[in-house]
């Protein structure tokens, strides 16, 4: 590099604010910087904005917190304690009702009830819904609203009953099947 270029680069570096943007070895004068194997002696370092990155991470955590930690549930007061009924987030079908549970707080009761009911649910990795096996596409680990089946489903979308023949209406709930009569 010519002397003129070195002087202009040196002036440019001196004019740059030191805060918010750094350069390799800011403490050393420009003339002592290594050429870094044929690359320009000035290698700008892109500032890592910790506040921005942490803010984005916090937003993602907050969004996941908005998705519920349990499936939809209903508390049933009983003489032996509260019983919890858990429902599929897509169909609203009842999947599990716990035995009466007693604990010091309702949060502890809910945790205990959810530990018992969790095995009946799958969580969509895209939208965060808790759904039944019938409404879960295990190939992509998402609910059928986020990743519909490629083959017609063999379950009623209203109650979750498995359909074994080409029926138009569900034998359990009587509602019209979404893919009814299409050669199941």
N, C-alpha and C. Protein backbone atom coordinates (compact mmCIF):
# COMPACT_ATOMS: atom_id res chain seq x y z
N UNK A 1 0.84 -1.18 0.00
CA UNK A 1 0.00 0.00 0.00
C UNK A 1 0.88 1.24 0.00
N UNK A 2 0.42 2.23 -0.69
CA UNK A 2 1.19 3.46 -0.75
C UNK A 2 1.09 4.25 0.54
N UNK A 3 2.02 5.19 0.72
CA UNK A 3 2.07 6.01 1.92
C UNK A 3 0.81 6.86 2.05
N UNK A 4 0.29 7.33 0.92
CA UNK A 4 -0.91 8.16 0.93
C UNK A 4 -2.11 7.36 1.48
N UNK A 5 -2.22 6.12 1.04
CA UNK A 5 -3.34 5.28 1.49
C UNK A 5 -3.22 5.00 2.98
N UNK A 6 -2.02 4.69 3.46
CA UNK A 6 -1.81 4.44 4.88
C UNK A 6 -2.21 5.64 5.72
N UNK A 7 -1.85 6.83 5.27
CA UNK A 7 -2.18 8.04 6.02
C UNK A 7 -3.69 8.26 6.06
N UNK A 8 -4.35 8.03 4.92
CA UNK A 8 -5.81 8.23 4.90
C UNK A 8 -6.51 7.19 5.78
N UNK A 9 -6.03 5.95 5.76
CA UNK A 9 -6.61 4.93 6.63
C UNK A 9 -6.39 5.26 8.10
N UNK A 10 -5.20 5.75 8.41
CA UNK A 10 -4.88 6.11 9.79
C UNK A 10 -5.79 7.24 10.27
N UNK A 11 -6.01 8.25 9.42
CA UNK A 11 -6.90 9.34 9.78
C UNK A 11 -8.34 8.85 9.93
N UNK A 12 -8.72 7.94 9.07
CA UNK A 12 -10.08 7.40 9.13
C UNK A 12 -10.29 6.64 10.44
N UNK A 13 -9.33 5.83 10.84
CA UNK A 13 -9.44 5.07 12.08
C UNK A 13 -9.47 6.01 13.27
N UNK A 14 -8.67 7.06 13.26
CA UNK A 14 -8.64 8.00 14.37
C UNK A 14 -9.95 8.76 14.48
N UNK A 15 -10.62 8.97 13.35
CA UNK A 15 -11.88 9.71 13.36
C UNK A 15 -13.05 8.84 13.81
N UNK A 16 -12.90 7.52 13.72
CA UNK A 16 -13.99 6.61 14.10
C UNK A 16 -14.19 6.63 15.61
N UNK A 17 -15.44 6.64 16.05
CA UNK A 17 -15.68 6.55 17.49
C UNK A 17 -15.28 5.16 17.98
N UNK A 18 -14.71 5.10 19.14
CA UNK A 18 -14.25 3.82 19.70
C UNK A 18 -15.41 3.03 20.31
N UNK A 19 -16.48 3.71 20.69
CA UNK A 19 -17.61 3.02 21.31
C UNK A 19 -18.54 2.48 20.24
N UNK A 20 -19.02 1.29 20.45
CA UNK A 20 -20.01 0.71 19.55
C UNK A 20 -19.42 -0.02 18.37
N UNK A 21 -18.19 0.32 17.96
CA UNK A 21 -17.57 -0.39 16.85
C UNK A 21 -16.09 -0.51 17.14
N UNK A 22 -15.57 -1.68 17.07
CA UNK A 22 -14.18 -1.87 17.40
C UNK A 22 -13.41 -2.36 16.20
N UNK A 23 -12.12 -2.31 16.30
CA UNK A 23 -11.23 -2.83 15.27
C UNK A 23 -10.24 -3.75 15.94
N UNK A 24 -9.70 -4.64 15.16
CA UNK A 24 -8.70 -5.53 15.72
C UNK A 24 -7.58 -4.68 16.28
N UNK A 25 -7.25 -4.91 17.51
CA UNK A 25 -6.14 -4.25 18.18
C UNK A 25 -6.24 -2.73 18.09
N UNK A 26 -7.32 -2.16 18.63
CA UNK A 26 -7.49 -0.71 18.63
C UNK A 26 -6.41 0.01 19.41
N UNK A 27 -5.82 -0.68 20.39
CA UNK A 27 -4.82 -0.04 21.23
C UNK A 27 -3.53 0.22 20.47
N UNK A 28 -3.25 -0.58 19.44
CA UNK A 28 -1.99 -0.44 18.70
C UNK A 28 -2.16 0.58 17.58
N UNK A 29 -1.10 1.25 17.23
CA UNK A 29 -1.18 2.15 16.08
C UNK A 29 -1.43 1.36 14.81
N UNK A 30 -2.02 2.01 13.83
CA UNK A 30 -2.38 1.36 12.57
C UNK A 30 -1.18 0.76 11.87
N UNK A 31 -0.04 1.39 11.97
CA UNK A 31 1.14 0.89 11.24
C UNK A 31 1.65 -0.42 11.81
N UNK A 32 1.28 -0.79 13.05
CA UNK A 32 1.77 -2.03 13.63
C UNK A 32 0.79 -3.18 13.48
N UNK A 33 -0.34 -2.93 12.85
CA UNK A 33 -1.30 -4.01 12.66
C UNK A 33 -0.77 -5.02 11.65
N UNK A 34 -0.98 -6.30 11.89
CA UNK A 34 -0.54 -7.29 10.92
C UNK A 34 -1.42 -7.23 9.68
N UNK A 35 -0.89 -7.69 8.58
CA UNK A 35 -1.66 -7.66 7.34
C UNK A 35 -2.64 -8.83 7.26
N UNK A 36 -2.54 -9.77 8.18
CA UNK A 36 -3.48 -10.88 8.26
C UNK A 36 -3.52 -11.69 6.98
N UNK A 37 -2.36 -12.15 6.53
CA UNK A 37 -2.20 -13.05 5.39
C UNK A 37 -2.84 -12.52 4.11
N UNK A 38 -2.48 -11.39 3.72
CA UNK A 38 -2.94 -10.86 2.44
C UNK A 38 -4.24 -10.08 2.51
N UNK A 39 -4.95 -10.15 3.63
CA UNK A 39 -6.19 -9.38 3.75
C UNK A 39 -5.87 -7.97 4.20
N UNK A 40 -6.82 -7.14 4.13
CA UNK A 40 -6.66 -5.75 4.55
C UNK A 40 -6.20 -5.69 6.00
N UNK A 41 -5.30 -4.76 6.35
CA UNK A 41 -4.86 -4.67 7.74
C UNK A 41 -5.96 -4.21 8.67
N UNK A 42 -6.97 -3.55 8.14
CA UNK A 42 -8.11 -3.14 8.96
C UNK A 42 -9.19 -4.20 8.86
N UNK A 43 -9.49 -4.83 9.94
CA UNK A 43 -10.54 -5.84 9.95
C UNK A 43 -11.61 -5.36 10.92
N UNK A 44 -12.69 -4.80 10.40
CA UNK A 44 -13.71 -4.31 11.33
C UNK A 44 -14.38 -5.46 12.05
N UNK A 45 -14.63 -5.26 13.30
CA UNK A 45 -15.36 -6.23 14.09
C UNK A 45 -16.78 -5.72 14.22
N UNK A 46 -17.72 -6.53 13.80
CA UNK A 46 -19.12 -6.13 13.90
C UNK A 46 -19.49 -6.16 15.38
N UNK A 47 -20.02 -5.07 15.87
CA UNK A 47 -20.34 -5.04 17.29
C UNK A 47 -21.44 -6.04 17.62
N UNK A 48 -21.28 -6.74 18.69
CA UNK A 48 -22.28 -7.70 19.16
C UNK A 48 -23.16 -6.97 20.15
N UNK A 49 -24.35 -6.69 19.74
CA UNK A 49 -25.27 -5.94 20.59
C UNK A 49 -25.96 -6.93 21.53
N UNK A 50 -25.41 -7.09 22.72
CA UNK A 50 -25.94 -8.05 23.67
C UNK A 50 -27.38 -7.75 24.03
N UNK A 51 -27.71 -6.48 24.19
CA UNK A 51 -29.07 -6.12 24.57
C UNK A 51 -30.07 -6.54 23.50
N UNK A 52 -29.72 -6.33 22.23
CA UNK A 52 -30.61 -6.70 21.14
C UNK A 52 -30.80 -8.21 21.08
N UNK A 53 -29.70 -8.95 21.14
CA UNK A 53 -29.78 -10.41 21.05
C UNK A 53 -30.55 -10.97 22.24
N UNK A 54 -30.24 -10.51 23.43
CA UNK A 54 -30.95 -10.99 24.62
C UNK A 54 -32.42 -10.60 24.56
N UNK A 55 -32.72 -9.43 24.00
CA UNK A 55 -34.11 -9.02 23.84
C UNK A 55 -34.87 -9.95 22.91
N UNK A 56 -34.22 -10.37 21.82
CA UNK A 56 -34.86 -11.31 20.90
C UNK A 56 -35.08 -12.66 21.57
N UNK A 57 -34.10 -13.11 22.35
CA UNK A 57 -34.26 -14.38 23.06
C UNK A 57 -35.39 -14.29 24.07
N UNK A 58 -35.49 -13.15 24.75
CA UNK A 58 -36.54 -12.97 25.75
C UNK A 58 -37.91 -12.97 25.07
N UNK A 59 -38.01 -12.34 23.89
CA UNK A 59 -39.27 -12.34 23.16
C UNK A 59 -39.70 -13.76 22.83
N UNK A 60 -38.75 -14.60 22.37
CA UNK A 60 -39.07 -15.98 22.05
C UNK A 60 -39.51 -16.74 23.29
N UNK A 61 -38.82 -16.51 24.42
CA UNK A 61 -39.22 -17.17 25.66
C UNK A 61 -40.61 -16.71 26.09
N UNK A 62 -40.89 -15.41 25.92
CA UNK A 62 -42.21 -14.90 26.28
C UNK A 62 -43.29 -15.50 25.40
N UNK A 63 -43.00 -15.68 24.10
CA UNK A 63 -43.99 -16.29 23.21
C UNK A 63 -44.26 -17.73 23.63
N UNK A 64 -43.22 -18.46 23.99
CA UNK A 64 -43.43 -19.83 24.43
C UNK A 64 -44.18 -19.86 25.76
N UNK A 65 -43.97 -18.84 26.59
CA UNK A 65 -44.68 -18.78 27.86
C UNK A 65 -46.16 -18.52 27.62
N UNK A 66 -46.48 -17.80 26.52
CA UNK A 66 -47.88 -17.55 26.20
C UNK A 66 -48.59 -18.84 25.84
N UNK A 67 -47.87 -19.77 25.19
CA UNK A 67 -48.48 -21.06 24.94
C UNK A 67 -48.57 -21.75 26.29
N UNK A 68 -49.65 -22.40 26.53
CA UNK A 68 -49.92 -22.94 27.85
C UNK A 68 -49.03 -24.12 28.20
N UNK A 69 -48.76 -24.25 29.49
CA UNK A 69 -47.89 -25.32 29.97
C UNK A 69 -48.62 -26.64 30.09
N UNK A 70 -49.93 -26.60 30.10
CA UNK A 70 -50.73 -27.82 30.15
C UNK A 70 -51.81 -27.73 29.08
N UNK A 71 -52.45 -28.85 28.85
CA UNK A 71 -53.60 -28.84 27.95
C UNK A 71 -54.75 -28.13 28.67
N UNK A 72 -55.78 -27.80 27.90
CA UNK A 72 -56.95 -27.19 28.53
C UNK A 72 -57.50 -28.15 29.57
N UNK A 73 -57.94 -27.60 30.68
CA UNK A 73 -58.43 -28.46 31.75
C UNK A 73 -59.60 -27.82 32.46
N UNK A 74 -60.30 -28.65 33.22
CA UNK A 74 -61.43 -28.21 34.02
C UNK A 74 -61.25 -28.82 35.40
N UNK A 75 -61.46 -28.02 36.43
CA UNK A 75 -61.33 -28.50 37.81
C UNK A 75 -62.71 -28.94 38.29
N UNK A 76 -62.78 -30.16 38.82
CA UNK A 76 -64.03 -30.70 39.34
C UNK A 76 -63.85 -30.89 40.84
N UNK A 77 -64.61 -30.12 41.63
CA UNK A 77 -64.52 -30.23 43.09
C UNK A 77 -65.16 -31.55 43.52
N UNK A 78 -64.44 -32.28 44.36
CA UNK A 78 -64.91 -33.58 44.83
C UNK A 78 -64.69 -33.64 46.34
N UNK A 79 -65.35 -34.55 47.00
CA UNK A 79 -65.21 -34.64 48.45
C UNK A 79 -63.80 -35.05 48.86
N UNK A 80 -63.11 -35.83 48.04
CA UNK A 80 -61.76 -36.28 48.36
C UNK A 80 -60.68 -35.34 47.87
N UNK A 81 -61.04 -34.27 47.20
CA UNK A 81 -60.08 -33.33 46.62
C UNK A 81 -60.52 -32.95 45.22
N UNK A 82 -59.75 -32.14 44.56
CA UNK A 82 -60.10 -31.71 43.21
C UNK A 82 -59.68 -32.76 42.19
N UNK A 83 -60.54 -32.94 41.20
CA UNK A 83 -60.22 -33.81 40.07
C UNK A 83 -60.03 -32.90 38.86
N UNK A 84 -59.12 -33.27 38.00
CA UNK A 84 -58.81 -32.46 36.82
C UNK A 84 -59.13 -33.24 35.57
N UNK A 85 -59.88 -32.61 34.67
CA UNK A 85 -60.18 -33.20 33.36
C UNK A 85 -59.39 -32.42 32.32
N UNK A 86 -58.64 -33.13 31.48
CA UNK A 86 -57.80 -32.50 30.46
C UNK A 86 -58.37 -32.79 29.08
N UNK A 87 -58.34 -31.76 28.21
CA UNK A 87 -58.96 -31.84 26.90
C UNK A 87 -57.95 -31.56 25.79
N UNK A 88 -58.20 -32.15 24.62
CA UNK A 88 -57.39 -31.90 23.43
C UNK A 88 -57.62 -30.45 22.99
N UNK A 89 -56.55 -29.74 22.64
CA UNK A 89 -56.68 -28.33 22.25
C UNK A 89 -57.32 -28.16 20.87
N UNK A 90 -57.31 -29.18 20.04
CA UNK A 90 -57.90 -29.05 18.71
C UNK A 90 -59.36 -29.49 18.72
N UNK A 91 -59.61 -30.70 19.21
CA UNK A 91 -60.97 -31.25 19.13
C UNK A 91 -61.81 -30.93 20.35
N UNK A 92 -61.17 -30.66 21.46
CA UNK A 92 -61.91 -30.45 22.69
C UNK A 92 -62.34 -31.75 23.35
N UNK A 93 -61.87 -32.88 22.82
CA UNK A 93 -62.23 -34.18 23.37
C UNK A 93 -61.58 -34.39 24.73
N UNK A 94 -62.32 -34.99 25.66
CA UNK A 94 -61.80 -35.31 26.97
C UNK A 94 -60.83 -36.49 26.82
N UNK A 95 -59.59 -36.30 27.26
CA UNK A 95 -58.60 -37.36 27.14
C UNK A 95 -58.27 -38.03 28.46
N UNK A 96 -58.38 -37.29 29.56
CA UNK A 96 -58.02 -37.90 30.84
C UNK A 96 -58.65 -37.12 31.99
N UNK A 97 -59.15 -37.85 32.98
CA UNK A 97 -59.63 -37.26 34.22
C UNK A 97 -58.87 -37.92 35.36
N UNK A 98 -58.32 -37.12 36.23
CA UNK A 98 -57.50 -37.64 37.33
C UNK A 98 -58.36 -38.12 38.48
N UNK A 99 -57.75 -38.88 39.35
CA UNK A 99 -58.38 -39.22 40.63
C UNK A 99 -58.34 -37.97 41.50
N UNK A 100 -59.11 -37.93 42.58
CA UNK A 100 -59.07 -36.74 43.45
C UNK A 100 -57.65 -36.49 43.97
N UNK A 101 -57.25 -35.22 43.93
CA UNK A 101 -55.90 -34.82 44.34
C UNK A 101 -56.01 -33.76 45.42
N UNK A 102 -55.21 -33.92 46.47
CA UNK A 102 -55.15 -32.90 47.51
C UNK A 102 -53.71 -32.42 47.62
N UNK A 103 -53.54 -31.11 47.65
CA UNK A 103 -52.22 -30.51 47.83
C UNK A 103 -52.40 -29.19 48.55
N UNK A 104 -51.28 -28.58 48.96
CA UNK A 104 -51.35 -27.33 49.70
C UNK A 104 -51.87 -26.18 48.84
N UNK A 105 -51.45 -26.13 47.58
CA UNK A 105 -51.91 -25.06 46.69
C UNK A 105 -52.50 -25.67 45.43
N UNK A 106 -53.28 -24.86 44.73
CA UNK A 106 -53.88 -25.33 43.49
C UNK A 106 -52.82 -25.55 42.41
N UNK A 107 -51.73 -24.77 42.45
CA UNK A 107 -50.64 -24.96 41.49
C UNK A 107 -49.99 -26.32 41.67
N UNK A 108 -49.80 -26.74 42.93
CA UNK A 108 -49.23 -28.06 43.19
C UNK A 108 -50.18 -29.17 42.74
N UNK A 109 -51.47 -28.96 42.96
CA UNK A 109 -52.47 -29.93 42.48
C UNK A 109 -52.40 -30.06 40.97
N UNK A 110 -52.33 -28.91 40.30
CA UNK A 110 -52.28 -28.93 38.84
C UNK A 110 -51.02 -29.63 38.34
N UNK A 111 -49.88 -29.37 38.98
CA UNK A 111 -48.64 -30.04 38.58
C UNK A 111 -48.76 -31.55 38.71
N UNK A 112 -49.32 -32.00 39.83
CA UNK A 112 -49.50 -33.43 40.06
C UNK A 112 -50.46 -34.03 39.04
N UNK A 113 -51.56 -33.33 38.79
CA UNK A 113 -52.54 -33.82 37.82
C UNK A 113 -51.94 -33.87 36.42
N UNK A 114 -51.17 -32.85 36.06
CA UNK A 114 -50.58 -32.80 34.72
C UNK A 114 -49.54 -33.90 34.53
N UNK A 115 -48.78 -34.21 35.59
CA UNK A 115 -47.82 -35.32 35.51
C UNK A 115 -48.54 -36.62 35.18
N UNK A 116 -49.73 -36.79 35.75
CA UNK A 116 -50.51 -37.99 35.50
C UNK A 116 -51.10 -38.00 34.08
N UNK A 117 -51.55 -36.84 33.60
CA UNK A 117 -52.24 -36.77 32.30
C UNK A 117 -51.31 -36.56 31.12
N UNK A 118 -50.10 -36.12 31.36
CA UNK A 118 -49.16 -35.76 30.30
C UNK A 118 -48.95 -36.88 29.29
N UNK A 119 -48.97 -38.13 29.73
CA UNK A 119 -48.71 -39.26 28.83
C UNK A 119 -49.79 -39.44 27.77
N UNK A 120 -50.93 -38.79 27.91
CA UNK A 120 -52.01 -38.91 26.94
C UNK A 120 -51.96 -37.81 25.87
N UNK A 121 -50.97 -36.93 25.95
CA UNK A 121 -50.90 -35.77 25.07
C UNK A 121 -49.58 -35.70 24.31
N UNK A 122 -49.62 -35.01 23.18
CA UNK A 122 -48.43 -34.67 22.41
C UNK A 122 -48.43 -33.16 22.24
N UNK A 123 -47.26 -32.55 22.30
CA UNK A 123 -47.18 -31.10 22.13
C UNK A 123 -46.65 -30.78 20.75
N UNK A 124 -47.37 -29.93 20.03
CA UNK A 124 -46.95 -29.49 18.71
C UNK A 124 -45.72 -28.61 18.87
N UNK A 125 -44.68 -28.93 18.12
CA UNK A 125 -43.44 -28.16 18.22
C UNK A 125 -43.52 -26.83 17.48
N UNK A 126 -44.59 -26.64 16.71
CA UNK A 126 -44.73 -25.39 15.96
C UNK A 126 -45.61 -24.38 16.70
N UNK A 127 -46.80 -24.80 17.09
CA UNK A 127 -47.73 -23.85 17.72
C UNK A 127 -47.86 -24.03 19.23
N UNK A 128 -47.38 -25.14 19.77
CA UNK A 128 -47.40 -25.35 21.21
C UNK A 128 -48.68 -25.94 21.76
N UNK A 129 -49.61 -26.36 20.91
CA UNK A 129 -50.86 -26.95 21.40
C UNK A 129 -50.61 -28.36 21.93
N UNK A 130 -51.41 -28.72 22.93
CA UNK A 130 -51.39 -30.08 23.48
C UNK A 130 -52.53 -30.84 22.82
N UNK A 131 -52.21 -31.89 22.08
CA UNK A 131 -53.22 -32.59 21.30
C UNK A 131 -53.16 -34.09 21.55
N UNK A 132 -54.25 -34.77 21.18
CA UNK A 132 -54.33 -36.22 21.31
C UNK A 132 -53.49 -36.89 20.22
N UNK A 133 -53.29 -38.18 20.36
CA UNK A 133 -52.54 -38.92 19.34
C UNK A 133 -53.20 -38.83 17.98
N UNK A 134 -54.53 -38.78 17.96
CA UNK A 134 -55.26 -38.72 16.70
C UNK A 134 -55.03 -37.41 15.96
N UNK A 135 -54.75 -36.35 16.67
CA UNK A 135 -54.56 -35.03 16.06
C UNK A 135 -53.09 -34.63 15.98
N UNK A 136 -52.19 -35.62 16.01
CA UNK A 136 -50.75 -35.36 16.04
C UNK A 136 -50.09 -36.08 14.87
N UNK A 137 -49.37 -35.33 14.06
CA UNK A 137 -48.62 -35.90 12.95
C UNK A 137 -47.21 -36.20 13.46
N UNK A 138 -46.98 -37.44 13.84
CA UNK A 138 -45.71 -37.83 14.47
C UNK A 138 -44.54 -37.75 13.50
N UNK A 139 -44.80 -37.79 12.21
CA UNK A 139 -43.71 -37.72 11.23
C UNK A 139 -42.94 -36.40 11.32
N UNK A 140 -43.65 -35.32 11.64
CA UNK A 140 -43.02 -34.00 11.72
C UNK A 140 -43.12 -33.38 13.11
N UNK A 141 -43.67 -34.12 14.08
CA UNK A 141 -43.81 -33.66 15.47
C UNK A 141 -44.63 -32.38 15.57
N UNK A 142 -45.72 -32.32 14.80
CA UNK A 142 -46.61 -31.16 14.83
C UNK A 142 -48.05 -31.63 14.82
N UNK A 143 -48.95 -30.75 15.24
CA UNK A 143 -50.37 -31.08 15.21
C UNK A 143 -50.85 -31.07 13.76
N UNK A 144 -52.04 -31.62 13.54
CA UNK A 144 -52.54 -31.71 12.17
C UNK A 144 -52.97 -30.36 11.61
N UNK A 145 -53.13 -29.35 12.44
CA UNK A 145 -53.42 -28.02 11.92
C UNK A 145 -52.16 -27.39 11.33
N UNK A 146 -51.00 -27.67 11.92
CA UNK A 146 -49.73 -27.13 11.41
C UNK A 146 -49.16 -28.00 10.29
N UNK A 147 -49.38 -29.30 10.35
CA UNK A 147 -48.86 -30.23 9.34
C UNK A 147 -49.93 -31.28 9.05
N UNK A 148 -50.84 -30.97 8.12
CA UNK A 148 -51.93 -31.92 7.82
C UNK A 148 -51.38 -33.25 7.32
N UNK A 149 -52.20 -34.27 7.50
CA UNK A 149 -51.83 -35.59 7.02
C UNK A 149 -51.75 -35.61 5.51
N UNK A 150 -50.84 -36.41 4.99
CA UNK A 150 -50.79 -36.59 3.55
C UNK A 150 -51.81 -37.63 3.12
N UNK A 151 -51.96 -38.66 3.92
CA UNK A 151 -53.00 -39.67 3.68
C UNK A 151 -54.23 -39.26 4.48
N UNK A 152 -55.42 -39.66 4.02
CA UNK A 152 -56.61 -39.32 4.80
C UNK A 152 -56.51 -39.91 6.21
N UNK A 153 -56.92 -39.16 7.21
CA UNK A 153 -56.81 -39.65 8.58
C UNK A 153 -57.78 -40.80 8.84
N UNK A 154 -57.43 -41.61 9.77
CA UNK A 154 -58.29 -42.73 10.15
C UNK A 154 -58.89 -42.47 11.53
N UNK A 155 -59.09 -41.19 11.84
CA UNK A 155 -59.65 -40.79 13.12
C UNK A 155 -60.72 -39.73 12.89
N UNK A 156 -61.70 -39.71 13.78
CA UNK A 156 -62.70 -38.65 13.75
C UNK A 156 -62.06 -37.38 14.30
N UNK A 157 -62.18 -36.29 13.58
CA UNK A 157 -61.56 -35.04 14.04
C UNK A 157 -62.35 -34.39 15.17
N UNK A 158 -63.53 -34.90 15.47
CA UNK A 158 -64.35 -34.33 16.53
C UNK A 158 -64.13 -35.03 17.87
N UNK A 159 -64.10 -36.37 17.86
CA UNK A 159 -63.97 -37.09 19.13
C UNK A 159 -62.71 -37.94 19.21
N UNK A 160 -62.00 -38.14 18.10
CA UNK A 160 -60.75 -38.88 18.11
C UNK A 160 -60.90 -40.38 17.94
N UNK A 161 -62.12 -40.88 17.69
CA UNK A 161 -62.33 -42.32 17.51
C UNK A 161 -61.65 -42.79 16.23
N UNK A 162 -60.98 -43.95 16.33
CA UNK A 162 -60.34 -44.51 15.15
C UNK A 162 -61.42 -45.06 14.22
N UNK A 163 -61.30 -44.74 12.94
CA UNK A 163 -62.25 -45.19 11.93
C UNK A 163 -61.60 -46.33 11.15
N UNK A 164 -62.25 -47.48 11.10
CA UNK A 164 -61.65 -48.64 10.45
C UNK A 164 -62.25 -48.93 9.08
N UNK A 165 -63.36 -48.31 8.74
CA UNK A 165 -63.96 -48.56 7.43
C UNK A 165 -64.32 -47.24 6.76
N UNK A 166 -64.77 -47.32 5.52
CA UNK A 166 -65.12 -46.12 4.76
C UNK A 166 -66.48 -45.61 5.21
N UNK A 167 -66.51 -44.88 6.29
CA UNK A 167 -67.76 -44.36 6.82
C UNK A 167 -67.84 -42.86 6.56
N UNK A 168 -69.06 -42.37 6.49
CA UNK A 168 -69.29 -40.95 6.27
C UNK A 168 -69.49 -40.24 7.61
N UNK A 169 -70.11 -40.93 8.56
CA UNK A 169 -70.36 -40.36 9.88
C UNK A 169 -69.64 -41.18 10.94
N UNK A 170 -69.22 -40.50 11.98
CA UNK A 170 -68.51 -41.16 13.07
C UNK A 170 -69.47 -42.07 13.84
N UNK A 171 -69.08 -43.32 14.08
CA UNK A 171 -69.97 -44.22 14.83
C UNK A 171 -70.10 -43.82 16.30
N UNK A 172 -69.16 -43.07 16.86
CA UNK A 172 -69.23 -42.68 18.26
C UNK A 172 -70.03 -41.40 18.45
N UNK A 173 -69.65 -40.32 17.76
CA UNK A 173 -70.31 -39.03 18.01
C UNK A 173 -71.36 -38.67 16.97
N UNK A 174 -71.37 -39.35 15.83
CA UNK A 174 -72.38 -39.12 14.81
C UNK A 174 -72.11 -37.93 13.90
N UNK A 175 -71.00 -37.25 14.08
CA UNK A 175 -70.70 -36.09 13.23
C UNK A 175 -70.08 -36.55 11.92
N UNK A 176 -70.26 -35.71 10.89
CA UNK A 176 -69.73 -36.04 9.56
C UNK A 176 -68.21 -36.04 9.61
N UNK A 177 -67.61 -37.06 9.02
CA UNK A 177 -66.16 -37.18 8.99
C UNK A 177 -65.59 -36.26 7.94
N UNK A 178 -64.42 -35.72 8.20
CA UNK A 178 -63.78 -34.79 7.28
C UNK A 178 -63.46 -35.46 5.95
N UNK A 179 -63.00 -36.70 5.97
CA UNK A 179 -62.65 -37.43 4.75
C UNK A 179 -63.53 -38.66 4.60
N UNK A 180 -64.76 -38.56 5.02
CA UNK A 180 -65.66 -39.72 5.05
C UNK A 180 -65.92 -40.33 3.69
N UNK A 181 -65.94 -41.67 3.65
CA UNK A 181 -66.31 -42.41 2.45
C UNK A 181 -65.26 -42.42 1.37
N UNK A 182 -64.01 -42.11 1.68
CA UNK A 182 -62.99 -42.05 0.65
C UNK A 182 -62.07 -43.27 0.68
N UNK A 183 -62.64 -44.44 0.86
CA UNK A 183 -61.88 -45.68 0.75
C UNK A 183 -60.91 -45.95 1.87
N UNK A 184 -61.31 -45.70 3.08
CA UNK A 184 -60.42 -46.00 4.21
C UNK A 184 -60.27 -47.47 4.43
